[in-house]
Amino acid sequence: MLLMTFATKSLSSVSVGAARVATLTLRPVNAIVKALIHRREVMRLGELDERGLKDIGLVRSDLDGALSVSWLSDPSLVLAERSSARHGVASLRRQAALQQAERVAPARPARLEPVAPARRAAVADTVACSA
């Protein structure tokens, strides 16, 4: 019985060690395969025209820059970084424009109070006399 306990513990530690070695070995291979798949997808984005690229927040130079990275690195990460940077700049510009518009815009007139009935009749008589 005691022998089975030792055997089970040592086998479980071997399987954990084997799994760790397999994971450490396969992780770089998995990253390279993902990078190659994403590179192919970025190359397909190159088939879009300028308008299609603009719809997804990219320009042609973004694609060229992403494809210029090493074959072992993921070009989609470069695209995501450039797109988010551009989005941040655009957001700051919108906020600045809104703040400037608030400073330049004239103050809204105060809400007009309802006209009393006597005053309304006097205005109507004036309009009728001038016509």
C-alpha atoms as a PDB file:
ATOM      1  CA  MET A   1       0.000   0.000   0.000  1.00  0.00           C
ATOM      2  CA  LEU A   2       2.782   2.364   0.918  1.00  0.00           C
ATOM      3  CA  LEU A   3       4.578   1.513  -2.318  1.00  0.00           C
ATOM      4  CA  MET A   4       1.506   2.514  -4.373  1.00  0.00           C
ATOM      5  CA  THR A   5       1.385   5.886  -2.624  1.00  0.00           C
ATOM      6  CA  PHE A   6       5.011   6.619  -3.512  1.00  0.00           C
ATOM      7  CA  ALA A   7       4.507   5.419  -7.077  1.00  0.00           C
ATOM      8  CA  THR A   8       1.432   7.588  -7.546  1.00  0.00           C
ATOM      9  CA  LYS A   9       3.147  10.680  -6.165  1.00  0.00           C
ATOM     10  CA  SER A  10       6.242  10.215  -8.287  1.00  0.00           C
ATOM     11  CA  LEU A  11       4.185   9.541 -11.426  1.00  0.00           C
ATOM     12  CA  SER A  12       2.069  12.618 -10.834  1.00  0.00           C
ATOM     13  CA  SER A  13       5.172  14.757 -10.487  1.00  0.00           C
ATOM     14  CA  VAL A  14       6.565  13.282 -13.699  1.00  0.00           C
ATOM     15  CA  SER A  15       3.376  14.048 -15.587  1.00  0.00           C
ATOM     16  CA  VAL A  16       3.397  17.640 -14.301  1.00  0.00           C
ATOM     17  CA  GLY A  17       7.012  18.009 -15.349  1.00  0.00           C
ATOM     18  CA  ALA A  18       6.296  16.522 -18.779  1.00  0.00           C
ATOM     19  CA  ALA A  19       3.337  18.845 -19.238  1.00  0.00           C
ATOM     20  CA  ARG A  20       5.477  21.832 -18.249  1.00  0.00           C
ATOM     21  CA  VAL A  21       8.213  20.867 -20.712  1.00  0.00           C
ATOM     22  CA  ALA A  22       5.659  20.314 -23.470  1.00  0.00           C
ATOM     23  CA  THR A  23       4.055  23.690 -22.756  1.00  0.00           C
ATOM     24  CA  LEU A  24       7.377  25.509 -22.780  1.00  0.00           C
ATOM     25  CA  THR A  25       8.309  23.777 -26.028  1.00  0.00           C
ATOM     26  CA  LEU A  26       5.016  24.333 -27.827  1.00  0.00           C
ATOM     27  CA  ARG A  27       4.382  27.937 -26.746  1.00  0.00           C
ATOM     28  CA  PRO A  28       6.961  29.485 -29.137  1.00  0.00           C
ATOM     29  CA  VAL A  29       5.733  27.260 -31.968  1.00  0.00           C
ATOM     30  CA  ASN A  30       2.170  28.384 -31.296  1.00  0.00           C
ATOM     31  CA  ALA A  31       3.253  32.052 -31.290  1.00  0.00           C
ATOM     32  CA  ILE A  32       5.037  31.650 -34.638  1.00  0.00           C
ATOM     33  CA  VAL A  33       2.018  29.946 -36.198  1.00  0.00           C
ATOM     34  CA  LYS A  34      -0.277  32.743 -34.934  1.00  0.00           C
ATOM     35  CA  ALA A  35       2.113  35.392 -36.274  1.00  0.00           C
ATOM     36  CA  LEU A  36       2.122  33.757 -39.719  1.00  0.00           C
ATOM     37  CA  ILE A  37      -1.685  33.485 -39.759  1.00  0.00           C
ATOM     38  CA  HIS A  38      -2.065  37.140 -38.712  1.00  0.00           C
ATOM     39  CA  ARG A  39       0.503  38.195 -41.329  1.00  0.00           C
ATOM     40  CA  ARG A  40      -1.617  36.538 -44.007  1.00  0.00           C
ATOM     41  CA  GLU A  41      -4.719  38.339 -42.702  1.00  0.00           C
ATOM     42  CA  VAL A  42      -2.898  41.699 -42.754  1.00  0.00           C
ATOM     43  CA  MET A  43      -1.832  40.993 -46.340  1.00  0.00           C
ATOM     44  CA  ARG A  44      -5.483  40.403 -47.224  1.00  0.00           C
ATOM     45  CA  LEU A  45      -6.321  43.784 -45.684  1.00  0.00           C
ATOM     46  CA  GLY A  46      -3.952  45.215 -48.288  1.00  0.00           C
ATOM     47  CA  GLU A  47      -6.504  44.230 -50.939  1.00  0.00           C
ATOM     48  CA  LEU A  48      -8.961  46.810 -49.564  1.00  0.00           C
ATOM     49  CA  ASP A  49      -9.154  50.282 -51.076  1.00  0.00           C
ATOM     50  CA  GLU A  50      -8.437  53.436 -49.056  1.00  0.00           C
ATOM     51  CA  ARG A  51     -12.089  53.898 -48.141  1.00  0.00           C
ATOM     52  CA  GLY A  52     -12.392  50.363 -46.781  1.00  0.00           C
ATOM     53  CA  LEU A  53      -9.252  50.815 -44.719  1.00  0.00           C
ATOM     54  CA  LYS A  54     -10.520  54.121 -43.356  1.00  0.00           C
ATOM     55  CA  ASP A  55     -13.737  52.410 -42.243  1.00  0.00           C
ATOM     56  CA  ILE A  56     -11.738  50.173 -39.942  1.00  0.00           C
ATOM     57  CA  GLY A  57      -9.491  53.013 -38.765  1.00  0.00           C
ATOM     58  CA  LEU A  58      -6.356  52.264 -40.795  1.00  0.00           C
ATOM     59  CA  VAL A  59      -4.359  53.779 -43.629  1.00  0.00           C
ATOM     60  CA  ARG A  60      -2.115  52.059 -46.163  1.00  0.00           C
ATOM     61  CA  SER A  61       1.071  53.092 -44.356  1.00  0.00           C
ATOM     62  CA  ASP A  62      -0.175  51.245 -41.249  1.00  0.00           C
ATOM     63  CA  LEU A  63      -0.298  48.021 -43.247  1.00  0.00           C
ATOM     64  CA  ASP A  64       3.144  48.625 -44.707  1.00  0.00           C
ATOM     65  CA  GLY A  65       4.568  49.303 -41.259  1.00  0.00           C
ATOM     66  CA  ALA A  66       2.930  46.206 -39.790  1.00  0.00           C
ATOM     67  CA  LEU A  67       4.263  43.984 -42.562  1.00  0.00           C
ATOM     68  CA  SER A  68       7.770  45.361 -42.145  1.00  0.00           C
ATOM     69  CA  VAL A  69       8.193  43.756 -38.712  1.00  0.00           C
ATOM     70  CA  SER A  70      10.005  40.433 -38.310  1.00  0.00           C
ATOM     71  CA  TRP A  71       8.341  37.271 -39.570  1.00  0.00           C
ATOM     72  CA  LEU A  72       8.395  35.954 -36.024  1.00  0.00           C
ATOM     73  CA  SER A  73       6.420  38.850 -34.539  1.00  0.00           C
ATOM     74  CA  ASP A  74       2.701  39.460 -34.863  1.00  0.00           C
ATOM     75  CA  PRO A  75       1.826  42.299 -37.301  1.00  0.00           C
ATOM     76  CA  SER A  76      -1.728  42.573 -35.984  1.00  0.00           C
ATOM     77  CA  LEU A  77      -0.343  43.914 -32.694  1.00  0.00           C
ATOM     78  CA  VAL A  78       1.312  46.767 -34.616  1.00  0.00           C
ATOM     79  CA  LEU A  79      -1.976  47.556 -36.375  1.00  0.00           C
ATOM     80  CA  ALA A  80      -3.909  47.565 -33.113  1.00  0.00           C
ATOM     81  CA  GLU A  81      -1.351  49.871 -31.507  1.00  0.00           C
ATOM     82  CA  ARG A  82      -1.419  52.354 -34.392  1.00  0.00           C
ATOM     83  CA  SER A  83      -5.208  52.344 -34.588  1.00  0.00           C
ATOM     84  CA  SER A  84      -5.611  52.976 -30.861  1.00  0.00           C
ATOM     85  CA  ALA A  85      -3.009  55.755 -30.974  1.00  0.00           C
ATOM     86  CA  ARG A  86      -4.857  57.434 -33.836  1.00  0.00           C
ATOM     87  CA  HIS A  87      -8.159  57.012 -32.016  1.00  0.00           C
ATOM     88  CA  GLY A  88      -6.690  58.661 -28.910  1.00  0.00           C
ATOM     89  CA  VAL A  89      -5.444  61.650 -30.922  1.00  0.00           C
ATOM     90  CA  ALA A  90      -8.811  62.014 -32.653  1.00  0.00           C
ATOM     91  CA  SER A  91     -10.583  61.890 -29.305  1.00  0.00           C
ATOM     92  CA  LEU A  92      -8.354  64.646 -27.921  1.00  0.00           C
ATOM     93  CA  ARG A  93      -9.014  66.788 -30.997  1.00  0.00           C
ATOM     94  CA  ARG A  94     -12.784  66.347 -30.613  1.00  0.00           C
ATOM     95  CA  GLN A  95     -12.618  67.344 -26.958  1.00  0.00           C
ATOM     96  CA  ALA A  96     -10.539  70.431 -27.760  1.00  0.00           C
ATOM     97  CA  ALA A  97     -12.957  71.450 -30.520  1.00  0.00           C
ATOM     98  CA  LEU A  98     -15.935  71.082 -28.186  1.00  0.00           C
ATOM     99  CA  GLN A  99     -14.255  73.176 -25.507  1.00  0.00           C
ATOM    100  CA  GLN A 100     -13.395  75.874 -28.030  1.00  0.00           C
ATOM    101  CA  ALA A 101     -16.946  75.872 -29.395  1.00  0.00           C
ATOM    102  CA  GLU A 102     -18.300  76.346 -25.877  1.00  0.00           C
ATOM    103  CA  ARG A 103     -16.018  79.335 -25.342  1.00  0.00           C
ATOM    104  CA  VAL A 104     -16.826  80.950 -28.695  1.00  0.00           C
ATOM    105  CA  ALA A 105     -20.573  80.273 -28.797  1.00  0.00           C
ATOM    106  CA  PRO A 106     -22.737  83.165 -27.575  1.00  0.00           C
ATOM    107  CA  ALA A 107     -24.630  82.673 -24.376  1.00  0.00           C
ATOM    108  CA  ARG A 108     -28.105  81.329 -24.891  1.00  0.00           C
ATOM    109  CA  PRO A 109     -30.829  83.885 -24.295  1.00  0.00           C
ATOM    110  CA  ALA A 110     -32.796  83.558 -21.118  1.00  0.00           C
ATOM    111  CA  ARG A 111     -36.038  81.721 -21.426  1.00  0.00           C
ATOM    112  CA  LEU A 112     -38.824  84.097 -22.414  1.00  0.00           C
ATOM    113  CA  GLU A 113     -41.605  84.574 -19.908  1.00  0.00           C
ATOM    114  CA  PRO A 114     -45.185  84.181 -21.094  1.00  0.00           C
ATOM    115  CA  VAL A 115     -46.793  87.451 -22.207  1.00  0.00           C
ATOM    116  CA  ALA A 116     -49.668  88.718 -20.080  1.00  0.00           C
ATOM    117  CA  PRO A 117     -53.093  88.844 -21.822  1.00  0.00           C
ATOM    118  CA  ALA A 118     -53.311  92.671 -21.582  1.00  0.00           C
ATOM    119  CA  ARG A 119     -49.930  93.053 -23.223  1.00  0.00           C
ATOM    120  CA  ARG A 120     -50.921  90.562 -25.940  1.00  0.00           C
ATOM    121  CA  ALA A 121     -53.999  92.661 -26.788  1.00  0.00           C
ATOM    122  CA  ALA A 122     -51.914  95.858 -26.998  1.00  0.00           C
ATOM    123  CA  VAL A 123     -49.464  94.180 -29.398  1.00  0.00           C
ATOM    124  CA  ALA A 124     -52.340  92.882 -31.527  1.00  0.00           C
ATOM    125  CA  ASP A 125     -53.862  96.426 -31.743  1.00  0.00           C
ATOM    126  CA  THR A 126     -50.512  97.863 -32.782  1.00  0.00           C
ATOM    127  CA  VAL A 127     -50.105  95.261 -35.502  1.00  0.00           C
ATOM    128  CA  ALA A 128     -53.688  95.854 -36.750  1.00  0.00           C
ATOM    129  CA  CYS A 129     -53.195  99.660 -36.907  1.00  0.00           C
ATOM    130  CA  SER A 130     -49.992  99.412 -38.895  1.00  0.00           C
ATOM    131  CA  ALA A 131     -51.551  97.062 -41.446  1.00  0.00           C
END
